[in-house]
Amino acid sequence: MDGDNTTVIRFAEMEDAEIIARIHVDSRAATMPYLPAQRYTLAEVIDWIRDVVLRTCRTTVAVRRDEVVGYAAVEGAVLDQLYVRPDLLRQGIGTLLLDEVLRDGSGGVSLRVFQQNTEARAFYERHGFVLIDSSDGSDNMEGLPDMVLRWMPAREPGLVEERQ
């Protein structure tokens, strides 16, 4: 091992679809064992990443030693996906991806997280996200209770909003 843990964030490319899909599937399985059994094959997840996520979301990837190790996908002002390879968790990769999302989120960023996903909730709360809503899971594919968290950029002191 060369010890070079430098991580670079770049925009995702179509060629990244397969590795992004693998990270998505592997991370969900490793970090959320309470999820219902996966309904989709890896090939279907690859197609979804390539045909939906990479076409409709602003998607960035974290690259370490020329290998994609995590990704974030934002649609509008919603962080739709943020996953890191399970063997590289807690090494700052998720924070780098989230920092990039927040840098572009001048009007704020929201996301959904499963209520049971206490580690992800704590991660987002450490980065300034606050709870704004919760649901019983009837509106998500997994049918699990979830929460909506929101981050707003700090307003500069002395700025006054103009009223119309």
N, C-alpha and C. Protein backbone atom coordinates (compact mmCIF):
# COMPACT_ATOMS: atom_id res chain seq x y z
N MET A 1 0.85 -1.19 0.00
CA MET A 1 0.00 0.00 0.00
C MET A 1 0.89 1.24 0.00
N ASP A 2 0.55 2.18 -0.89
CA ASP A 2 1.42 3.34 -1.02
C ASP A 2 1.09 4.44 -0.02
N GLY A 3 -0.01 4.32 0.70
CA GLY A 3 -0.34 5.30 1.72
C GLY A 3 -0.95 6.58 1.19
N ASP A 4 -1.13 6.70 -0.14
CA ASP A 4 -1.71 7.91 -0.71
C ASP A 4 -3.23 7.85 -0.60
N ASN A 5 -3.75 8.54 0.40
CA ASN A 5 -5.19 8.55 0.61
C ASN A 5 -5.82 9.84 0.11
N THR A 6 -5.15 10.52 -0.82
CA THR A 6 -5.71 11.73 -1.39
C THR A 6 -6.98 11.38 -2.15
N THR A 7 -8.03 12.13 -1.87
CA THR A 7 -9.30 11.90 -2.53
C THR A 7 -9.64 13.14 -3.35
N VAL A 8 -9.99 12.92 -4.59
CA VAL A 8 -10.35 13.98 -5.51
C VAL A 8 -11.84 13.84 -5.84
N ILE A 9 -12.55 14.96 -5.88
CA ILE A 9 -13.95 14.97 -6.26
C ILE A 9 -14.04 15.49 -7.69
N ARG A 10 -14.77 14.76 -8.53
CA ARG A 10 -14.98 15.19 -9.92
C ARG A 10 -16.40 14.83 -10.33
N PHE A 11 -16.84 15.39 -11.45
CA PHE A 11 -18.15 15.03 -11.97
C PHE A 11 -18.11 13.60 -12.48
N ALA A 12 -19.21 12.89 -12.27
CA ALA A 12 -19.32 11.51 -12.76
C ALA A 12 -19.45 11.50 -14.27
N GLU A 13 -18.99 10.41 -14.85
CA GLU A 13 -19.09 10.19 -16.29
C GLU A 13 -19.88 8.91 -16.52
N MET A 14 -20.41 8.74 -17.71
CA MET A 14 -21.20 7.54 -18.02
C MET A 14 -20.40 6.27 -17.74
N GLU A 15 -19.10 6.32 -17.96
CA GLU A 15 -18.24 5.14 -17.74
C GLU A 15 -18.18 4.75 -16.26
N ASP A 16 -18.61 5.64 -15.38
CA ASP A 16 -18.60 5.36 -13.94
C ASP A 16 -19.84 4.59 -13.47
N ALA A 17 -20.81 4.39 -14.35
CA ALA A 17 -22.11 3.83 -13.94
C ALA A 17 -21.97 2.50 -13.21
N GLU A 18 -21.16 1.60 -13.71
CA GLU A 18 -21.05 0.28 -13.08
C GLU A 18 -20.46 0.36 -11.67
N ILE A 19 -19.38 1.11 -11.50
CA ILE A 19 -18.77 1.19 -10.17
C ILE A 19 -19.68 1.95 -9.21
N ILE A 20 -20.37 2.98 -9.69
CA ILE A 20 -21.33 3.69 -8.83
C ILE A 20 -22.42 2.72 -8.38
N ALA A 21 -22.93 1.92 -9.29
CA ALA A 21 -23.98 0.94 -8.94
C ALA A 21 -23.47 -0.06 -7.91
N ARG A 22 -22.25 -0.53 -8.08
CA ARG A 22 -21.67 -1.48 -7.10
C ARG A 22 -21.54 -0.83 -5.73
N ILE A 23 -21.07 0.41 -5.69
CA ILE A 23 -20.96 1.12 -4.41
C ILE A 23 -22.34 1.27 -3.79
N HIS A 24 -23.33 1.63 -4.59
CA HIS A 24 -24.70 1.81 -4.12
C HIS A 24 -25.22 0.52 -3.47
N VAL A 25 -25.12 -0.58 -4.18
CA VAL A 25 -25.63 -1.86 -3.70
C VAL A 25 -24.85 -2.33 -2.47
N ASP A 26 -23.52 -2.29 -2.55
CA ASP A 26 -22.68 -2.78 -1.45
C ASP A 26 -22.86 -1.94 -0.18
N SER A 27 -22.93 -0.63 -0.33
CA SER A 27 -23.06 0.25 0.83
C SER A 27 -24.41 0.05 1.51
N ARG A 28 -25.47 -0.02 0.72
CA ARG A 28 -26.80 -0.24 1.32
C ARG A 28 -26.83 -1.57 2.08
N ALA A 29 -26.26 -2.61 1.50
CA ALA A 29 -26.27 -3.93 2.15
C ALA A 29 -25.45 -3.90 3.44
N ALA A 30 -24.30 -3.22 3.43
CA ALA A 30 -23.41 -3.21 4.59
C ALA A 30 -23.89 -2.30 5.71
N THR A 31 -24.50 -1.17 5.36
CA THR A 31 -24.82 -0.17 6.38
C THR A 31 -26.29 -0.15 6.80
N MET A 32 -27.15 -0.81 6.03
CA MET A 32 -28.58 -0.81 6.35
C MET A 32 -29.15 -2.22 6.28
N PRO A 33 -28.75 -3.08 7.22
CA PRO A 33 -29.19 -4.48 7.18
C PRO A 33 -30.70 -4.65 7.38
N TYR A 34 -31.38 -3.62 7.83
CA TYR A 34 -32.82 -3.67 8.07
C TYR A 34 -33.63 -3.47 6.78
N LEU A 35 -32.96 -3.13 5.68
CA LEU A 35 -33.69 -2.92 4.43
C LEU A 35 -34.30 -4.22 3.93
N PRO A 36 -35.44 -4.13 3.26
CA PRO A 36 -36.00 -5.34 2.64
C PRO A 36 -35.02 -5.90 1.61
N ALA A 37 -35.17 -7.15 1.26
CA ALA A 37 -34.28 -7.78 0.28
C ALA A 37 -34.27 -6.97 -1.01
N GLN A 38 -33.11 -6.88 -1.62
CA GLN A 38 -32.95 -6.14 -2.87
C GLN A 38 -33.84 -6.73 -3.96
N ARG A 39 -34.65 -5.90 -4.58
CA ARG A 39 -35.57 -6.34 -5.63
C ARG A 39 -34.93 -6.30 -7.01
N TYR A 40 -33.83 -5.59 -7.12
CA TYR A 40 -33.25 -5.36 -8.44
C TYR A 40 -31.89 -6.04 -8.56
N THR A 41 -31.61 -6.55 -9.74
CA THR A 41 -30.30 -7.15 -10.01
C THR A 41 -29.27 -6.03 -10.15
N LEU A 42 -28.01 -6.38 -10.06
CA LEU A 42 -26.95 -5.39 -10.25
C LEU A 42 -27.08 -4.76 -11.65
N ALA A 43 -27.40 -5.57 -12.65
CA ALA A 43 -27.55 -5.03 -14.01
C ALA A 43 -28.66 -3.98 -14.06
N GLU A 44 -29.75 -4.20 -13.34
CA GLU A 44 -30.84 -3.21 -13.30
C GLU A 44 -30.41 -1.94 -12.57
N VAL A 45 -29.63 -2.08 -11.51
CA VAL A 45 -29.14 -0.91 -10.79
C VAL A 45 -28.17 -0.13 -11.68
N ILE A 46 -27.31 -0.83 -12.42
CA ILE A 46 -26.40 -0.15 -13.36
C ILE A 46 -27.21 0.64 -14.38
N ASP A 47 -28.25 0.02 -14.94
CA ASP A 47 -29.10 0.72 -15.92
C ASP A 47 -29.73 1.96 -15.29
N TRP A 48 -30.22 1.85 -14.05
CA TRP A 48 -30.84 2.98 -13.35
C TRP A 48 -29.82 4.11 -13.14
N ILE A 49 -28.63 3.74 -12.72
CA ILE A 49 -27.59 4.76 -12.53
C ILE A 49 -27.29 5.45 -13.86
N ARG A 50 -27.08 4.67 -14.91
CA ARG A 50 -26.71 5.23 -16.22
C ARG A 50 -27.86 6.02 -16.85
N ASP A 51 -29.08 5.45 -16.82
CA ASP A 51 -30.19 6.04 -17.57
C ASP A 51 -31.00 7.07 -16.79
N VAL A 52 -30.90 7.05 -15.46
CA VAL A 52 -31.68 7.99 -14.66
C VAL A 52 -30.75 8.91 -13.87
N VAL A 53 -30.00 8.35 -12.96
CA VAL A 53 -29.20 9.17 -12.04
C VAL A 53 -28.21 10.06 -12.80
N LEU A 54 -27.43 9.48 -13.69
CA LEU A 54 -26.40 10.27 -14.38
C LEU A 54 -27.00 11.25 -15.39
N ARG A 55 -28.24 11.04 -15.78
CA ARG A 55 -28.88 11.95 -16.75
C ARG A 55 -29.71 13.05 -16.07
N THR A 56 -30.20 12.79 -14.86
CA THR A 56 -31.09 13.76 -14.22
C THR A 56 -30.50 14.44 -13.00
N CYS A 57 -29.42 13.91 -12.47
CA CYS A 57 -28.82 14.46 -11.25
C CYS A 57 -27.44 15.04 -11.54
N ARG A 58 -27.06 16.03 -10.74
CA ARG A 58 -25.68 16.52 -10.73
C ARG A 58 -24.93 15.51 -9.86
N THR A 59 -24.15 14.67 -10.50
CA THR A 59 -23.51 13.55 -9.80
C THR A 59 -22.01 13.74 -9.76
N THR A 60 -21.47 13.66 -8.55
CA THR A 60 -20.03 13.74 -8.37
C THR A 60 -19.54 12.42 -7.78
N VAL A 61 -18.28 12.14 -8.04
CA VAL A 61 -17.67 10.93 -7.49
C VAL A 61 -16.41 11.32 -6.72
N ALA A 62 -16.10 10.50 -5.74
CA ALA A 62 -14.85 10.62 -5.00
C ALA A 62 -13.90 9.58 -5.58
N VAL A 63 -12.70 10.02 -5.92
CA VAL A 63 -11.71 9.15 -6.55
C VAL A 63 -10.46 9.12 -5.68
N ARG A 64 -10.03 7.91 -5.38
CA ARG A 64 -8.80 7.70 -4.61
C ARG A 64 -7.95 6.68 -5.35
N ARG A 65 -6.72 7.05 -5.63
CA ARG A 65 -5.81 6.16 -6.39
C ARG A 65 -6.47 5.68 -7.68
N ASP A 66 -7.07 6.61 -8.43
CA ASP A 66 -7.70 6.34 -9.73
C ASP A 66 -8.90 5.40 -9.65
N GLU A 67 -9.48 5.23 -8.47
CA GLU A 67 -10.64 4.36 -8.31
C GLU A 67 -11.79 5.15 -7.68
N VAL A 68 -12.97 5.04 -8.27
CA VAL A 68 -14.16 5.68 -7.69
C VAL A 68 -14.50 4.94 -6.40
N VAL A 69 -14.62 5.71 -5.29
CA VAL A 69 -14.86 5.10 -3.99
C VAL A 69 -16.13 5.62 -3.31
N GLY A 70 -16.82 6.56 -3.95
CA GLY A 70 -18.06 7.09 -3.40
C GLY A 70 -18.71 8.01 -4.41
N TYR A 71 -19.99 8.32 -4.16
CA TYR A 71 -20.67 9.24 -5.06
C TYR A 71 -21.79 9.98 -4.35
N ALA A 72 -22.14 11.12 -4.92
CA ALA A 72 -23.28 11.91 -4.45
C ALA A 72 -24.06 12.35 -5.68
N ALA A 73 -25.39 12.29 -5.58
CA ALA A 73 -26.26 12.70 -6.68
C ALA A 73 -27.29 13.68 -6.15
N VAL A 74 -27.37 14.83 -6.80
CA VAL A 74 -28.28 15.90 -6.38
C VAL A 74 -29.23 16.21 -7.52
N GLU A 75 -30.51 16.24 -7.20
CA GLU A 75 -31.51 16.64 -8.18
C GLU A 75 -32.16 17.91 -7.67
N GLY A 76 -31.91 19.02 -8.36
CA GLY A 76 -32.39 20.31 -7.89
C GLY A 76 -31.70 20.66 -6.58
N ALA A 77 -32.48 20.82 -5.51
CA ALA A 77 -31.93 21.13 -4.19
C ALA A 77 -32.05 19.93 -3.25
N VAL A 78 -32.18 18.72 -3.83
CA VAL A 78 -32.34 17.51 -3.03
C VAL A 78 -31.14 16.59 -3.22
N LEU A 79 -30.49 16.28 -2.11
CA LEU A 79 -29.43 15.27 -2.13
C LEU A 79 -30.12 13.92 -2.18
N ASP A 80 -30.12 13.31 -3.35
CA ASP A 80 -30.87 12.08 -3.58
C ASP A 80 -30.08 10.84 -3.16
N GLN A 81 -28.77 10.88 -3.35
CA GLN A 81 -27.91 9.73 -3.04
C GLN A 81 -26.57 10.22 -2.52
N LEU A 82 -26.05 9.56 -1.50
CA LEU A 82 -24.67 9.76 -1.07
C LEU A 82 -24.22 8.44 -0.46
N TYR A 83 -23.31 7.77 -1.15
CA TYR A 83 -22.82 6.48 -0.69
C TYR A 83 -21.31 6.40 -0.86
N VAL A 84 -20.68 5.71 0.08
CA VAL A 84 -19.23 5.49 0.07
C VAL A 84 -19.01 3.99 0.17
N ARG A 85 -17.96 3.53 -0.48
CA ARG A 85 -17.62 2.10 -0.40
C ARG A 85 -17.52 1.70 1.06
N PRO A 86 -18.18 0.61 1.47
CA PRO A 86 -18.25 0.25 2.90
C PRO A 86 -16.90 0.10 3.60
N ASP A 87 -15.89 -0.39 2.91
CA ASP A 87 -14.59 -0.58 3.55
C ASP A 87 -13.82 0.73 3.74
N LEU A 88 -14.38 1.83 3.22
CA LEU A 88 -13.70 3.13 3.34
C LEU A 88 -14.52 4.14 4.14
N LEU A 89 -15.50 3.67 4.87
CA LEU A 89 -16.31 4.57 5.69
C LEU A 89 -15.45 5.20 6.78
N ARG A 90 -15.87 6.37 7.24
CA ARG A 90 -15.23 7.11 8.33
C ARG A 90 -13.79 7.52 8.02
N GLN A 91 -13.55 7.80 6.73
CA GLN A 91 -12.24 8.30 6.32
C GLN A 91 -12.34 9.68 5.68
N GLY A 92 -13.49 10.33 5.82
CA GLY A 92 -13.66 11.68 5.31
C GLY A 92 -14.18 11.78 3.88
N ILE A 93 -14.40 10.66 3.24
CA ILE A 93 -14.86 10.67 1.84
C ILE A 93 -16.28 11.22 1.74
N GLY A 94 -17.16 10.77 2.63
CA GLY A 94 -18.53 11.28 2.63
C GLY A 94 -18.57 12.77 2.89
N THR A 95 -17.72 13.24 3.79
CA THR A 95 -17.66 14.67 4.09
C THR A 95 -17.20 15.46 2.87
N LEU A 96 -16.21 14.96 2.13
CA LEU A 96 -15.75 15.64 0.92
C LEU A 96 -16.89 15.73 -0.11
N LEU A 97 -17.61 14.63 -0.29
CA LEU A 97 -18.74 14.65 -1.22
C LEU A 97 -19.82 15.62 -0.76
N LEU A 98 -20.14 15.57 0.52
CA LEU A 98 -21.18 16.46 1.06
C LEU A 98 -20.74 17.92 0.97
N ASP A 99 -19.49 18.20 1.25
CA ASP A 99 -18.98 19.58 1.13
C ASP A 99 -19.19 20.10 -0.28
N GLU A 100 -18.94 19.26 -1.27
CA GLU A 100 -19.14 19.67 -2.67
C GLU A 100 -20.62 19.97 -2.94
N VAL A 101 -21.50 19.13 -2.42
CA VAL A 101 -22.94 19.36 -2.57
C VAL A 101 -23.34 20.68 -1.93
N LEU A 102 -22.87 20.91 -0.71
CA LEU A 102 -23.26 22.13 0.01
C LEU A 102 -22.67 23.38 -0.62
N ARG A 103 -21.50 23.26 -1.23
CA ARG A 103 -20.88 24.40 -1.91
C ARG A 103 -21.78 24.89 -3.05
N ASP A 104 -22.48 23.95 -3.70
CA ASP A 104 -23.38 24.30 -4.80
C ASP A 104 -24.80 24.58 -4.30
N GLY A 105 -25.07 24.40 -3.01
CA GLY A 105 -26.42 24.52 -2.47
C GLY A 105 -26.72 25.86 -1.85
N SER A 106 -26.52 26.92 -2.58
CA SER A 106 -26.68 28.26 -2.01
C SER A 106 -28.10 28.53 -1.49
N GLY A 107 -29.09 27.83 -2.03
CA GLY A 107 -30.47 28.01 -1.55
C GLY A 107 -30.89 26.97 -0.54
N GLY A 108 -29.95 26.13 -0.12
CA GLY A 108 -30.25 25.08 0.84
C GLY A 108 -30.31 23.73 0.15
N VAL A 109 -30.21 22.68 0.95
CA VAL A 109 -30.23 21.30 0.46
C VAL A 109 -31.08 20.48 1.40
N SER A 110 -31.92 19.63 0.85
CA SER A 110 -32.69 18.71 1.69
C SER A 110 -32.40 17.28 1.26
N LEU A 111 -32.78 16.35 2.12
CA LEU A 111 -32.57 14.92 1.83
C LEU A 111 -33.55 14.11 2.67
N ARG A 112 -33.70 12.86 2.27
CA ARG A 112 -34.49 11.90 3.04
C ARG A 112 -33.54 10.86 3.60
N VAL A 113 -33.79 10.42 4.81
CA VAL A 113 -32.98 9.40 5.45
C VAL A 113 -33.92 8.50 6.25
N PHE A 114 -33.65 7.21 6.24
CA PHE A 114 -34.47 6.29 7.03
C PHE A 114 -34.29 6.60 8.51
N GLN A 115 -35.38 6.55 9.26
CA GLN A 115 -35.30 6.82 10.70
C GLN A 115 -34.34 5.86 11.37
N GLN A 116 -34.28 4.62 10.91
CA GLN A 116 -33.39 3.62 11.51
C GLN A 116 -31.92 3.87 11.20
N ASN A 117 -31.63 4.70 10.23
CA ASN A 117 -30.25 4.93 9.81
C ASN A 117 -29.60 5.98 10.71
N THR A 118 -29.37 5.59 11.95
CA THR A 118 -28.89 6.53 12.96
C THR A 118 -27.50 7.08 12.64
N GLU A 119 -26.65 6.28 12.01
CA GLU A 119 -25.31 6.77 11.66
C GLU A 119 -25.39 7.86 10.60
N ALA A 120 -26.21 7.66 9.59
CA ALA A 120 -26.36 8.69 8.55
C ALA A 120 -27.01 9.93 9.14
N ARG A 121 -28.01 9.75 9.97
CA ARG A 121 -28.66 10.90 10.60
C ARG A 121 -27.64 11.72 11.40
N ALA A 122 -26.81 11.04 12.18
CA ALA A 122 -25.79 11.74 12.97
C ALA A 122 -24.79 12.45 12.06
N PHE A 123 -24.40 11.81 10.97
CA PHE A 123 -23.48 12.42 10.00
C PHE A 123 -24.06 13.72 9.46
N TYR A 124 -25.30 13.69 9.02
CA TYR A 124 -25.92 14.89 8.46
C TYR A 124 -26.13 15.96 9.53
N GLU A 125 -26.51 15.57 10.72
CA GLU A 125 -26.71 16.54 11.80
C GLU A 125 -25.38 17.23 12.15
N ARG A 126 -24.28 16.47 12.13
CA ARG A 126 -22.96 17.07 12.39
C ARG A 126 -22.62 18.13 11.34
N HIS A 127 -23.20 18.00 10.16
CA HIS A 127 -22.95 18.93 9.07
C HIS A 127 -24.03 20.00 8.96
N GLY A 128 -24.85 20.15 9.99
CA GLY A 128 -25.79 21.26 10.04
C GLY A 128 -27.18 21.00 9.53
N PHE A 129 -27.50 19.76 9.19
CA PHE A 129 -28.86 19.44 8.75
C PHE A 129 -29.78 19.35 9.97
N VAL A 130 -31.02 19.79 9.78
CA VAL A 130 -32.02 19.72 10.85
C VAL A 130 -33.26 19.02 10.33
N LEU A 131 -33.96 18.40 11.24
CA LEU A 131 -35.20 17.68 10.91
C LEU A 131 -36.29 18.68 10.56
N ILE A 132 -36.96 18.44 9.41
CA ILE A 132 -38.10 19.30 9.07
C ILE A 132 -39.38 18.51 8.88
N ASP A 133 -39.28 17.18 8.72
CA ASP A 133 -40.49 16.38 8.54
C ASP A 133 -40.14 14.91 8.73
N SER A 134 -41.16 14.11 8.95
CA SER A 134 -40.96 12.66 9.02
C SER A 134 -42.20 11.99 8.43
N SER A 135 -42.03 10.73 8.03
CA SER A 135 -43.16 10.00 7.45
C SER A 135 -43.12 8.54 7.91
N ASP A 136 -44.23 7.87 7.67
CA ASP A 136 -44.35 6.46 8.07
C ASP A 136 -43.76 5.50 7.05
N GLY A 137 -43.23 6.02 5.96
CA GLY A 137 -42.62 5.18 4.93
C GLY A 137 -43.56 4.80 3.81
N SER A 138 -44.79 5.25 3.87
CA SER A 138 -45.75 4.88 2.83
C SER A 138 -45.40 5.49 1.47
N ASP A 139 -44.52 6.49 1.46
CA ASP A 139 -44.17 7.11 0.19
C ASP A 139 -42.75 6.78 -0.28
N ASN A 140 -42.14 5.71 0.28
CA ASN A 140 -40.84 5.28 -0.25
C ASN A 140 -40.90 3.81 -0.64
N MET A 141 -40.03 3.42 -1.54
CA MET A 141 -40.01 2.08 -2.11
C MET A 141 -39.84 0.99 -1.05
N GLU A 142 -39.09 1.30 0.01
CA GLU A 142 -38.80 0.31 1.04
C GLU A 142 -39.92 0.17 2.06
N GLY A 143 -40.81 1.16 2.13
CA GLY A 143 -41.90 1.12 3.10
C GLY A 143 -41.44 1.34 4.53
N LEU A 144 -40.29 2.00 4.70
CA LEU A 144 -39.74 2.22 6.04
C LEU A 144 -39.89 3.69 6.44
N PRO A 145 -40.17 3.95 7.72
CA PRO A 145 -40.27 5.34 8.18
C PRO A 145 -39.00 6.12 7.85
N ASP A 146 -39.20 7.34 7.37
CA ASP A 146 -38.05 8.15 7.03
C ASP A 146 -38.24 9.59 7.52
N MET A 147 -37.23 10.38 7.30
CA MET A 147 -37.21 11.77 7.77
C MET A 147 -36.69 12.66 6.65
N VAL A 148 -37.15 13.89 6.64
CA VAL A 148 -36.60 14.89 5.74
C VAL A 148 -35.73 15.82 6.58
N LEU A 149 -34.48 15.96 6.17
CA LEU A 149 -33.54 16.86 6.83
C LEU A 149 -33.21 17.99 5.85
N ARG A 150 -32.91 19.15 6.39
CA ARG A 150 -32.59 20.31 5.55
C ARG A 150 -31.39 21.05 6.11
N TRP A 151 -30.56 21.52 5.19
CA TRP A 151 -29.42 22.36 5.50
C TRP A 151 -29.62 23.69 4.80
N MET A 152 -29.37 24.76 5.52
CA MET A 152 -29.44 26.11 4.95
C MET A 152 -28.09 26.78 5.18
N PRO A 153 -27.60 27.50 4.17
CA PRO A 153 -26.33 28.21 4.37
C PRO A 153 -26.50 29.32 5.40
N ALA A 154 -25.44 29.60 6.11
CA ALA A 154 -25.48 30.68 7.10
C ALA A 154 -25.61 32.01 6.36
N ARG A 155 -26.42 32.86 6.88
CA ARG A 155 -26.57 34.20 6.30
C ARG A 155 -25.46 35.08 6.85
N GLU A 156 -24.95 35.92 6.00
CA GLU A 156 -23.90 36.83 6.43
C GLU A 156 -24.51 37.89 7.33
N PRO A 157 -23.84 38.22 8.44
CA PRO A 157 -24.36 39.25 9.33
C PRO A 157 -24.49 40.58 8.59
N GLY A 158 -25.54 41.30 8.89
CA GLY A 158 -25.73 42.61 8.31
C GLY A 158 -26.52 42.61 7.02
N LEU A 159 -26.75 41.41 6.44
CA LEU A 159 -27.55 41.37 5.22
C LEU A 159 -29.01 41.45 5.59
N VAL A 160 -29.72 42.28 4.89
CA VAL A 160 -31.15 42.44 5.13
C VAL A 160 -31.87 41.99 3.87
N GLU A 161 -32.85 41.10 4.04
CA GLU A 161 -33.61 40.65 2.88
C GLU A 161 -34.51 41.79 2.42
N GLU A 162 -34.56 41.95 1.12
CA GLU A 162 -35.41 42.97 0.54
C GLU A 162 -36.82 42.42 0.44
N ARG A 163 -37.77 43.17 0.93
CA ARG A 163 -39.17 42.75 0.86
C ARG A 163 -39.85 43.47 -0.27
N GLN A 164 -40.76 42.76 -0.90
CA GLN A 164 -41.46 43.34 -2.05
C GLN A 164 -42.87 43.71 -1.69
